[in-house]
N, C-alpha and C. Protein backbone atom coordinates (compact mmCIF):
# COMPACT_ATOMS: atom_id res chain seq x y z
N MET A 1 13.61 20.83 -75.79
CA MET A 1 14.41 20.66 -77.25
C MET A 1 13.84 22.04 -78.15
N ASN A 2 14.76 22.58 -78.51
CA ASN A 2 14.65 23.79 -79.45
C ASN A 2 14.83 23.55 -80.60
N VAL A 3 13.67 24.04 -81.58
CA VAL A 3 13.70 23.29 -83.32
C VAL A 3 13.66 24.37 -83.90
N TYR A 4 14.49 24.54 -85.11
CA TYR A 4 15.15 25.79 -85.92
C TYR A 4 14.69 25.17 -87.34
N ASP A 5 14.10 26.05 -88.01
CA ASP A 5 14.43 25.96 -89.56
C ASP A 5 15.83 26.69 -89.91
N PHE A 6 16.33 26.23 -90.96
CA PHE A 6 17.58 26.51 -91.02
C PHE A 6 17.78 27.70 -92.40
N ASP A 7 17.42 27.91 -93.71
CA ASP A 7 17.53 28.80 -94.19
C ASP A 7 16.47 30.01 -93.95
N GLN A 8 17.23 31.31 -93.97
CA GLN A 8 16.44 32.57 -93.77
C GLN A 8 16.12 32.74 -92.17
N THR A 9 16.30 31.57 -91.51
CA THR A 9 16.22 31.61 -90.29
C THR A 9 17.38 31.58 -88.87
N ILE A 10 18.19 30.74 -89.17
CA ILE A 10 19.49 30.61 -88.35
C ILE A 10 20.42 31.35 -89.77
N TYR A 11 20.48 30.67 -91.00
CA TYR A 11 21.66 31.19 -92.04
C TYR A 11 20.90 32.37 -92.66
N ASP A 12 21.81 33.40 -92.75
CA ASP A 12 21.31 34.38 -93.73
C ASP A 12 21.36 34.20 -94.98
N GLY A 13 20.36 33.84 -95.50
CA GLY A 13 19.98 33.43 -96.99
C GLY A 13 19.54 31.98 -97.35
N ASP A 14 19.50 31.51 -98.39
CA ASP A 14 19.48 30.26 -98.78
C ASP A 14 20.43 29.44 -98.93
N SER A 15 20.70 28.41 -98.08
CA SER A 15 21.98 27.46 -98.42
C SER A 15 21.98 26.83 -99.84
N THR A 16 20.77 26.35 -100.15
CA THR A 16 21.34 25.59 -101.63
C THR A 16 21.33 26.39 -102.49
N PHE A 17 20.56 27.87 -102.56
CA PHE A 17 20.72 28.31 -103.77
C PHE A 17 22.22 28.98 -103.54
N HIS A 18 22.70 29.35 -102.39
CA HIS A 18 24.40 29.48 -102.29
C HIS A 18 25.34 28.83 -102.93
N PHE A 19 24.81 27.53 -102.56
CA PHE A 19 25.54 26.37 -103.03
C PHE A 19 25.68 25.96 -104.55
N ILE A 20 24.69 26.64 -104.91
CA ILE A 20 24.33 26.19 -106.30
C ILE A 20 25.32 26.94 -106.94
N GLY A 21 24.98 28.50 -106.48
CA GLY A 21 26.04 29.46 -107.34
C GLY A 21 27.51 29.18 -106.94
N PHE A 22 27.70 28.82 -105.93
CA PHE A 22 29.31 28.48 -105.52
C PHE A 22 29.73 27.53 -106.87
N CYS A 23 28.63 26.65 -106.89
CA CYS A 23 29.14 25.41 -107.85
C CYS A 23 29.41 25.71 -109.25
N LEU A 24 28.37 26.63 -109.61
CA LEU A 24 28.26 27.35 -110.97
C LEU A 24 29.70 28.28 -110.85
N LYS A 25 30.19 28.82 -109.91
CA LYS A 25 31.42 29.73 -109.94
C LYS A 25 32.55 28.76 -110.33
N LYS A 26 32.62 27.68 -109.65
CA LYS A 26 33.43 26.75 -109.66
C LYS A 26 33.68 25.87 -111.24
N LYS A 27 32.66 25.87 -111.60
CA LYS A 27 32.31 24.95 -112.95
C LYS A 27 31.11 25.58 -113.48
N PRO A 28 31.60 26.56 -114.48
CA PRO A 28 30.23 27.29 -115.01
C PRO A 28 29.45 26.25 -116.09
N SER A 29 30.24 25.39 -116.71
CA SER A 29 29.41 24.43 -117.50
C SER A 29 28.16 23.91 -116.79
N LEU A 30 28.10 23.56 -115.44
CA LEU A 30 26.94 23.22 -114.62
C LEU A 30 25.55 24.24 -115.19
N ILE A 31 25.76 24.92 -115.59
CA ILE A 31 24.71 25.81 -116.07
C ILE A 31 23.91 25.21 -117.00
N PHE A 32 24.05 24.64 -117.85
CA PHE A 32 23.48 23.35 -118.86
C PHE A 32 22.49 22.53 -117.94
N PRO A 33 23.12 21.35 -117.23
CA PRO A 33 22.28 20.61 -116.45
C PRO A 33 21.15 21.80 -115.39
N LEU A 34 21.66 22.62 -115.11
CA LEU A 34 20.68 23.55 -114.24
C LEU A 34 19.32 24.17 -115.00
N SER A 35 19.61 24.42 -116.25
CA SER A 35 18.51 24.91 -117.09
C SER A 35 17.46 23.95 -117.15
N ILE A 36 17.40 22.89 -117.06
CA ILE A 36 16.46 21.89 -117.12
C ILE A 36 15.83 21.81 -116.17
N GLY A 37 16.47 22.35 -114.77
CA GLY A 37 15.70 22.26 -113.56
C GLY A 37 14.91 23.70 -113.50
N VAL A 38 15.18 24.70 -114.29
CA VAL A 38 14.49 25.98 -114.61
C VAL A 38 13.35 25.64 -115.18
N GLY A 39 13.25 24.87 -116.23
CA GLY A 39 12.12 24.72 -116.96
C GLY A 39 11.43 23.61 -116.02
N THR A 40 11.66 22.99 -115.36
CA THR A 40 10.78 21.98 -114.23
C THR A 40 10.21 22.90 -113.52
N PHE A 41 10.99 23.89 -112.97
CA PHE A 41 10.39 24.62 -112.05
C PHE A 41 9.00 25.40 -112.33
N VAL A 42 9.10 25.82 -113.54
CA VAL A 42 8.07 26.29 -114.33
C VAL A 42 6.74 25.61 -114.07
N LEU A 43 7.23 24.53 -114.90
CA LEU A 43 5.96 23.21 -114.57
C LEU A 43 5.55 23.31 -113.21
N TYR A 44 6.38 22.97 -112.11
CA TYR A 44 5.91 23.19 -110.95
C TYR A 44 4.78 24.63 -110.41
N LEU A 45 5.12 25.44 -111.16
CA LEU A 45 4.43 26.57 -111.10
C LEU A 45 3.09 26.61 -111.31
N PHE A 46 3.14 25.87 -112.36
CA PHE A 46 1.50 25.45 -113.03
C PHE A 46 0.86 24.28 -112.49
N HIS A 47 1.72 23.32 -111.46
CA HIS A 47 0.91 22.47 -110.68
C HIS A 47 1.13 21.14 -111.85
N GLN A 48 2.20 21.15 -112.66
CA GLN A 48 2.59 19.86 -113.63
C GLN A 48 3.37 19.10 -113.23
N ARG A 49 4.37 19.61 -111.83
CA ARG A 49 5.00 18.81 -111.17
C ARG A 49 5.02 18.91 -109.74
N THR A 50 5.66 18.03 -108.98
CA THR A 50 5.69 18.34 -107.21
C THR A 50 7.01 19.15 -107.50
N LYS A 51 6.92 19.52 -105.99
CA LYS A 51 8.18 20.66 -105.42
C LYS A 51 9.35 19.52 -105.55
N THR A 52 9.40 18.39 -104.83
CA THR A 52 10.34 17.10 -105.20
C THR A 52 10.75 17.19 -106.69
N GLN A 53 9.60 16.61 -107.20
CA GLN A 53 10.36 16.51 -108.76
C GLN A 53 10.75 17.73 -109.40
N SER A 54 10.74 18.85 -109.20
CA SER A 54 11.42 20.13 -109.71
C SER A 54 12.37 20.50 -109.19
N LYS A 55 12.74 20.05 -107.77
CA LYS A 55 14.11 20.41 -107.34
C LYS A 55 15.15 19.08 -107.19
N GLU A 56 14.80 17.98 -107.51
CA GLU A 56 15.35 17.11 -108.50
C GLU A 56 16.13 17.02 -109.68
N LYS A 57 15.53 17.93 -110.49
CA LYS A 57 15.91 18.13 -111.84
C LYS A 57 17.08 19.69 -111.38
N PHE A 58 16.68 20.59 -110.48
CA PHE A 58 17.68 21.04 -110.30
C PHE A 58 19.23 20.46 -109.64
N PHE A 59 18.90 19.69 -108.85
CA PHE A 59 19.79 18.73 -108.30
C PHE A 59 20.60 18.04 -109.12
N ALA A 60 19.92 17.54 -110.06
CA ALA A 60 20.82 16.98 -111.09
C ALA A 60 21.85 16.96 -111.62
N MET A 61 22.68 18.34 -111.51
CA MET A 61 23.66 19.03 -111.80
C MET A 61 24.47 18.36 -110.83
N PHE A 62 24.23 18.02 -109.46
CA PHE A 62 25.36 17.11 -108.88
C PHE A 62 26.17 16.11 -109.36
N GLN A 63 25.34 15.46 -110.71
CA GLN A 63 25.82 14.16 -111.25
C GLN A 63 27.22 14.79 -111.76
N LYS A 64 27.68 15.95 -111.99
CA LYS A 64 28.55 16.37 -112.94
C LYS A 64 29.45 17.09 -111.89
N ILE A 65 29.53 16.57 -110.74
CA ILE A 65 30.40 16.93 -109.54
C ILE A 65 31.09 15.91 -109.06
N GLU A 66 32.48 16.00 -109.07
CA GLU A 66 33.33 14.76 -108.53
C GLU A 66 33.36 15.55 -107.32
N ARG A 67 33.56 14.36 -106.58
CA ARG A 67 34.13 14.98 -105.10
C ARG A 67 33.35 15.75 -104.38
N ILE A 68 32.05 15.98 -104.44
CA ILE A 68 31.13 16.72 -104.19
C ILE A 68 31.26 16.95 -102.52
N ASP A 69 31.43 16.15 -101.91
CA ASP A 69 31.80 16.28 -100.42
C ASP A 69 33.12 17.34 -100.18
N ASP A 70 33.63 17.15 -101.13
CA ASP A 70 34.96 18.58 -100.60
C ASP A 70 34.63 19.58 -101.12
N TRP A 71 33.37 19.84 -102.19
CA TRP A 71 32.90 21.04 -102.80
C TRP A 71 32.14 21.55 -101.36
N VAL A 72 30.83 20.74 -100.96
CA VAL A 72 30.32 20.85 -99.75
C VAL A 72 31.48 21.57 -98.58
N GLU A 73 32.21 20.93 -98.37
CA GLU A 73 33.05 21.76 -96.89
C GLU A 73 33.87 22.85 -97.54
N ALA A 74 34.37 23.03 -98.70
CA ALA A 74 34.94 24.18 -99.20
C ALA A 74 33.76 25.38 -99.39
N PHE A 75 32.44 25.12 -99.66
CA PHE A 75 31.32 25.78 -99.35
C PHE A 75 31.30 26.59 -97.92
N TRP A 76 30.98 25.42 -97.06
CA TRP A 76 31.06 26.23 -95.56
C TRP A 76 32.41 26.98 -95.18
N ASP A 77 33.52 26.47 -95.53
CA ASP A 77 34.53 27.25 -95.34
C ASP A 77 34.28 28.85 -95.62
N GLY A 78 33.64 29.08 -96.46
CA GLY A 78 33.22 30.37 -97.02
C GLY A 78 31.84 31.03 -96.11
N HIS A 79 31.18 30.47 -96.35
CA HIS A 79 29.53 30.49 -95.64
C HIS A 79 29.20 30.74 -94.44
N ILE A 80 30.12 29.69 -93.58
CA ILE A 80 29.89 29.50 -92.42
C ILE A 80 29.32 30.99 -91.56
N HIS A 81 29.90 31.52 -91.93
CA HIS A 81 30.01 32.71 -91.16
C HIS A 81 28.57 33.79 -91.24
N ARG A 82 27.90 33.03 -92.07
CA ARG A 82 26.33 33.64 -92.09
C ARG A 82 25.16 33.35 -91.36
N ILE A 83 25.97 32.15 -90.38
CA ILE A 83 24.95 31.89 -89.61
C ILE A 83 24.84 33.02 -88.33
N LYS A 84 23.41 33.33 -88.00
CA LYS A 84 23.03 34.46 -87.71
C LYS A 84 23.63 34.50 -86.05
N ALA A 85 23.69 35.61 -85.63
CA ALA A 85 24.27 36.01 -84.20
C ALA A 85 23.34 35.62 -83.01
N TRP A 86 22.10 36.11 -83.20
CA TRP A 86 21.14 35.50 -82.45
C TRP A 86 20.94 33.99 -82.11
N TYR A 87 21.33 33.59 -83.01
CA TYR A 87 21.38 31.69 -82.86
C TYR A 87 22.69 31.92 -82.35
N LEU A 88 23.69 32.05 -82.38
CA LEU A 88 25.18 31.59 -81.78
C LEU A 88 24.92 31.78 -80.44
N GLU A 89 24.31 32.86 -80.02
CA GLU A 89 24.26 33.34 -78.58
C GLU A 89 23.43 32.50 -77.82
N GLN A 90 22.06 31.63 -78.20
CA GLN A 90 21.45 30.84 -77.77
C GLN A 90 21.64 29.37 -77.81
N LYS A 91 22.34 28.89 -78.60
CA LYS A 91 22.27 27.49 -78.88
C LYS A 91 22.51 26.75 -78.13
N GLN A 92 21.83 25.71 -77.84
CA GLN A 92 22.25 24.46 -76.98
C GLN A 92 22.83 23.32 -77.49
N PRO A 93 22.93 22.42 -77.07
CA PRO A 93 23.77 21.19 -77.22
C PRO A 93 22.25 20.14 -77.67
N ASP A 94 21.14 20.43 -77.51
CA ASP A 94 20.12 19.48 -78.23
C ASP A 94 19.43 19.88 -79.21
N ASP A 95 19.86 21.15 -79.70
CA ASP A 95 19.06 21.99 -80.47
C ASP A 95 18.82 20.68 -81.94
N LEU A 96 17.68 20.96 -82.43
CA LEU A 96 17.38 20.34 -83.64
C LEU A 96 17.19 21.37 -84.73
N ILE A 97 17.82 20.78 -86.05
CA ILE A 97 17.80 21.89 -87.39
C ILE A 97 16.62 20.77 -88.20
N ILE A 98 15.55 21.57 -88.40
CA ILE A 98 14.57 20.89 -89.47
C ILE A 98 14.24 21.59 -90.89
N SER A 99 14.94 21.34 -91.82
CA SER A 99 14.92 21.97 -92.90
C SER A 99 14.67 21.43 -94.04
N ALA A 100 14.17 21.89 -95.49
CA ALA A 100 13.89 21.43 -96.62
C ALA A 100 15.14 21.32 -97.71
N SER A 101 16.19 21.73 -97.00
CA SER A 101 17.67 21.92 -97.79
C SER A 101 18.24 20.47 -97.57
N PRO A 102 18.65 20.03 -98.81
CA PRO A 102 19.59 18.69 -98.61
C PRO A 102 20.21 18.57 -97.39
N ALA A 103 19.99 17.33 -96.69
CA ALA A 103 20.66 16.81 -95.40
C ALA A 103 22.60 17.02 -95.45
N PHE A 104 22.76 16.08 -97.11
CA PHE A 104 24.08 16.25 -97.27
C PHE A 104 24.68 17.41 -96.74
N LEU A 105 24.17 18.68 -97.51
CA LEU A 105 24.78 20.06 -97.56
C LEU A 105 24.46 20.78 -96.13
N LEU A 106 23.23 20.33 -95.56
CA LEU A 106 23.59 20.85 -93.73
C LEU A 106 24.40 20.29 -93.24
N ARG A 107 24.80 19.05 -93.56
CA ARG A 107 25.30 18.13 -92.04
C ARG A 107 26.53 18.73 -91.46
N PRO A 108 27.33 19.02 -92.93
CA PRO A 108 28.69 19.97 -92.47
C PRO A 108 28.62 21.02 -91.58
N ALA A 109 27.90 21.88 -91.84
CA ALA A 109 27.19 22.93 -91.16
C ALA A 109 27.09 22.66 -89.74
N CYS A 110 25.92 21.93 -89.50
CA CYS A 110 25.79 21.25 -88.22
C CYS A 110 26.91 20.79 -87.42
N ARG A 111 27.85 19.98 -87.90
CA ARG A 111 28.88 19.41 -87.62
C ARG A 111 30.14 20.57 -86.83
N ARG A 112 30.03 21.77 -87.56
CA ARG A 112 30.86 22.95 -87.57
C ARG A 112 30.32 23.51 -86.31
N LEU A 113 29.03 23.70 -86.17
CA LEU A 113 28.25 24.53 -85.02
C LEU A 113 27.98 23.65 -83.95
N GLY A 114 28.47 22.25 -83.89
CA GLY A 114 27.98 21.50 -82.61
C GLY A 114 26.76 20.82 -82.34
N ILE A 115 26.07 20.96 -83.73
CA ILE A 115 24.51 20.36 -84.10
C ILE A 115 24.56 19.28 -84.04
N LYS A 116 23.90 18.27 -83.16
CA LYS A 116 23.79 16.72 -83.46
C LYS A 116 22.68 16.61 -84.16
N HIS A 117 21.42 17.22 -83.92
CA HIS A 117 20.41 16.79 -84.61
C HIS A 117 19.85 17.33 -85.85
N LEU A 118 19.94 16.55 -86.84
CA LEU A 118 19.31 17.19 -88.13
C LEU A 118 18.35 16.40 -88.82
N GLU A 119 16.98 16.70 -89.34
CA GLU A 119 16.47 16.42 -90.02
C GLU A 119 16.28 17.28 -91.31
N ALA A 120 16.39 16.84 -92.74
CA ALA A 120 16.24 17.84 -93.47
C ALA A 120 15.86 16.80 -95.01
N SER A 121 15.63 16.92 -96.29
CA SER A 121 15.58 16.46 -97.12
C SER A 121 16.59 15.33 -97.30
N ARG A 122 16.22 14.46 -97.81
CA ARG A 122 17.20 12.75 -98.07
C ARG A 122 17.43 13.24 -99.45
N VAL A 123 18.30 13.72 -100.09
CA VAL A 123 18.83 13.98 -101.31
C VAL A 123 19.97 12.94 -101.50
N ASP A 124 20.60 12.10 -102.61
CA ASP A 124 21.41 11.84 -103.03
C ASP A 124 22.45 12.75 -103.40
N ARG A 125 23.74 12.84 -102.98
CA ARG A 125 24.41 13.94 -103.38
C ARG A 125 24.99 13.46 -104.86
N ARG A 126 25.20 12.48 -104.89
CA ARG A 126 25.85 12.20 -106.26
C ARG A 126 24.78 12.09 -107.53
N THR A 127 23.47 11.88 -107.30
CA THR A 127 22.31 12.07 -108.51
C THR A 127 21.35 12.86 -108.44
N GLY A 128 21.09 13.72 -107.33
CA GLY A 128 20.31 14.89 -106.92
C GLY A 128 18.76 13.91 -106.74
N LYS A 129 18.65 12.80 -106.41
CA LYS A 129 17.36 12.12 -106.35
C LYS A 129 17.04 12.10 -104.90
N TYR A 130 15.79 12.24 -104.69
CA TYR A 130 15.13 12.05 -103.02
C TYR A 130 14.99 10.64 -102.75
N THR A 131 15.14 10.37 -101.78
CA THR A 131 14.82 9.25 -101.10
C THR A 131 13.55 9.84 -99.83
N GLY A 132 12.69 9.81 -100.32
CA GLY A 132 11.53 10.22 -99.59
C GLY A 132 10.86 11.78 -100.18
N ILE A 133 10.13 12.19 -99.40
CA ILE A 133 9.55 13.82 -99.97
C ILE A 133 10.42 14.57 -99.43
N ASN A 134 10.12 15.58 -99.99
CA ASN A 134 10.67 17.24 -99.77
C ASN A 134 10.46 17.35 -97.82
N CYS A 135 11.32 17.66 -97.24
CA CYS A 135 11.14 18.00 -95.87
C CYS A 135 10.43 19.43 -95.71
N TYR A 136 9.52 19.66 -95.80
CA TYR A 136 8.51 20.89 -95.83
C TYR A 136 7.30 20.78 -95.48
N GLY A 137 6.50 22.18 -94.59
CA GLY A 137 5.26 22.03 -94.31
C GLY A 137 5.25 20.57 -93.15
N GLU A 138 4.07 19.87 -93.61
CA GLU A 138 3.48 18.63 -92.40
C GLU A 138 4.39 17.54 -92.76
N GLU A 139 5.44 17.54 -93.81
CA GLU A 139 6.35 16.97 -93.37
C GLU A 139 7.59 16.75 -92.62
N LYS A 140 7.71 17.79 -91.80
CA LYS A 140 8.43 18.28 -90.78
C LYS A 140 7.83 17.94 -89.93
N VAL A 141 6.51 18.01 -89.29
CA VAL A 141 6.09 17.43 -88.29
C VAL A 141 6.06 15.95 -88.19
N ARG A 142 5.74 15.28 -89.48
CA ARG A 142 6.01 13.68 -89.47
C ARG A 142 7.57 13.24 -88.95
N ARG A 143 8.06 13.92 -89.46
CA ARG A 143 9.75 13.91 -89.44
C ARG A 143 10.01 13.92 -87.84
N PHE A 144 9.51 14.98 -87.58
CA PHE A 144 9.64 15.08 -85.94
C PHE A 144 9.23 14.02 -84.80
N ARG A 145 8.04 13.45 -85.41
CA ARG A 145 7.10 12.59 -84.60
C ARG A 145 7.89 11.34 -84.55
N GLU A 146 8.47 11.17 -86.17
CA GLU A 146 9.09 9.78 -86.30
C GLU A 146 10.44 9.45 -85.60
N SER A 147 11.12 10.82 -85.26
CA SER A 147 12.36 10.57 -84.44
C SER A 147 12.50 10.96 -83.51
N TYR A 148 11.95 11.73 -82.77
CA TYR A 148 11.81 12.52 -81.50
C TYR A 148 10.68 12.25 -80.50
N THR A 149 11.08 12.02 -79.67
CA THR A 149 9.71 12.01 -78.10
C THR A 149 10.18 13.46 -77.50
N GLY A 150 9.12 13.32 -76.88
CA GLY A 150 8.78 14.93 -76.15
C GLY A 150 8.16 16.11 -77.07
N GLU A 151 8.46 17.10 -76.18
CA GLU A 151 7.65 18.27 -76.84
C GLU A 151 8.93 19.08 -77.28
N ILE A 152 8.24 20.09 -78.37
CA ILE A 152 9.24 21.49 -78.93
C ILE A 152 9.02 22.49 -77.86
N ASP A 153 10.27 22.76 -77.02
CA ASP A 153 9.70 23.82 -76.15
C ASP A 153 9.73 25.13 -77.00
N ALA A 154 10.74 25.34 -78.01
CA ALA A 154 10.55 26.78 -78.92
C ALA A 154 11.02 26.70 -80.11
N PHE A 155 10.40 26.50 -81.27
CA PHE A 155 10.30 26.65 -82.66
C PHE A 155 10.80 28.02 -83.16
N TYR A 156 11.51 27.92 -84.18
CA TYR A 156 12.05 29.22 -84.95
C TYR A 156 11.90 28.83 -86.56
N SER A 157 11.34 29.73 -87.13
CA SER A 157 11.10 29.84 -88.48
C SER A 157 10.89 31.13 -89.16
N ASP A 158 11.28 31.67 -90.43
CA ASP A 158 11.11 32.60 -91.21
C ASP A 158 9.88 32.27 -91.77
N SER A 159 8.88 31.12 -92.11
CA SER A 159 8.29 31.04 -93.17
C SER A 159 6.83 30.52 -92.25
N VAL A 160 5.56 30.94 -93.05
CA VAL A 160 4.20 30.29 -92.88
C VAL A 160 4.26 29.31 -93.05
N SER A 161 4.77 28.42 -94.17
CA SER A 161 4.95 27.18 -94.20
C SER A 161 5.46 26.23 -92.84
N ASP A 162 5.61 26.37 -92.20
CA ASP A 162 6.35 25.92 -91.04
C ASP A 162 5.03 26.13 -89.92
N LEU A 163 4.29 26.73 -90.31
CA LEU A 163 2.86 26.97 -89.48
C LEU A 163 2.81 25.45 -88.75
N PRO A 164 2.68 24.49 -89.65
CA PRO A 164 2.35 23.06 -88.75
C PRO A 164 3.24 22.70 -87.59
N LEU A 165 4.44 23.04 -87.85
CA LEU A 165 5.34 22.66 -86.79
C LEU A 165 5.19 23.56 -85.79
N ALA A 166 5.08 24.80 -86.17
CA ALA A 166 4.90 25.88 -84.87
C ALA A 166 3.66 25.70 -84.03
N ARG A 167 2.68 25.09 -84.69
CA ARG A 167 1.39 24.89 -84.02
C ARG A 167 1.68 23.54 -82.84
N ILE A 168 2.64 22.73 -83.09
CA ILE A 168 3.02 22.02 -81.72
C ILE A 168 3.80 22.04 -80.87
N ALA A 169 4.46 23.06 -81.15
CA ALA A 169 5.46 23.94 -80.30
C ALA A 169 4.90 24.37 -78.95
N LYS A 170 5.70 24.28 -77.75
CA LYS A 170 5.11 25.14 -76.82
C LYS A 170 4.98 26.89 -76.83
N ALA A 171 6.04 26.79 -77.73
CA ALA A 171 6.21 28.44 -78.12
C ALA A 171 6.73 28.67 -79.52
N ALA A 172 6.46 29.12 -80.37
CA ALA A 172 7.06 29.92 -81.58
C ALA A 172 7.27 31.19 -82.22
N PHE A 173 8.42 30.98 -82.65
CA PHE A 173 8.89 32.46 -83.12
C PHE A 173 9.08 32.66 -84.60
N LEU A 174 8.63 33.87 -85.07
CA LEU A 174 8.72 33.84 -86.74
C LEU A 174 10.27 34.92 -86.61
N VAL A 175 11.11 34.57 -87.22
CA VAL A 175 12.36 35.24 -87.68
C VAL A 175 12.44 36.18 -88.61
N GLU A 176 12.78 37.27 -88.53
CA GLU A 176 13.12 38.42 -89.53
C GLU A 176 14.42 38.90 -89.27
N GLY A 177 15.41 38.77 -90.39
CA GLY A 177 16.57 38.97 -90.06
C GLY A 177 17.31 38.62 -88.68
N GLU A 178 17.63 39.50 -87.95
CA GLU A 178 18.41 39.27 -86.72
C GLU A 178 17.49 39.11 -85.59
N LYS A 179 16.00 39.24 -85.64
CA LYS A 179 15.00 39.62 -85.00
C LYS A 179 14.07 38.46 -84.67
N CYS A 180 13.80 38.15 -83.81
CA CYS A 180 12.59 37.11 -83.49
C CYS A 180 11.35 37.64 -82.58
N PHE A 181 10.35 37.33 -83.48
CA PHE A 181 8.82 37.59 -82.67
C PHE A 181 7.82 36.82 -82.53
N VAL A 182 7.33 36.76 -81.81
CA VAL A 182 6.33 35.87 -80.92
C VAL A 182 5.13 35.61 -82.17
N TRP A 183 5.12 33.91 -82.54
CA TRP A 183 4.40 33.70 -83.74
C TRP A 183 2.88 33.33 -83.07
N LYS A 184 2.04 34.13 -83.20
CA LYS A 184 0.72 33.63 -82.63
C LYS A 184 0.35 32.40 -84.17
N THR A 185 0.05 31.42 -83.46
CA THR A 185 -0.50 30.48 -84.28
C THR A 185 -1.72 29.99 -84.41
N GLU A 186 -2.67 30.58 -83.73
CA GLU A 186 -4.09 30.36 -83.59
C GLU A 186 -4.55 30.71 -85.03
N ASP A 187 -5.53 29.88 -85.32
CA ASP A 187 -6.62 30.20 -86.79
C ASP A 187 -7.08 31.51 -86.67
């Protein structure tokens, strides 16, 4: 099984930020609940909030969106082209996407790409609240081991925060744009 991070790895950009921008264009009044998230992010930077708590405040804006599933589908109508060519050329039916982005946001993209396996942050799309913790760092390893047997043949990511997952893969690659480089994971 090959395992991939999503944002900046197989997707050109950060899908969550792009989705928030998409929402703001459709409904500019969402800037007000979003501004609370910005304040909480500052508290996160000063270690007064966890990453999960900070993201929940950003995602609270989803409470103001009726029919959010329709918005997510419309978002992917205009953004699925951002999936990188190198990934499309090598994708396999048993690929796993593992990401800190909300599962409800990535599920439609995975469906469109024919990807059946997804582990991502469990965020209630109506409230912005997490069930569990942000799927990041060591949490990605825990989720993989909880849900999948066997080994990771190859792991791809743009971020050193994914080093824990890279270390358990047979091969790991750092992604920069459309290029993949062997990731030396030894200390």
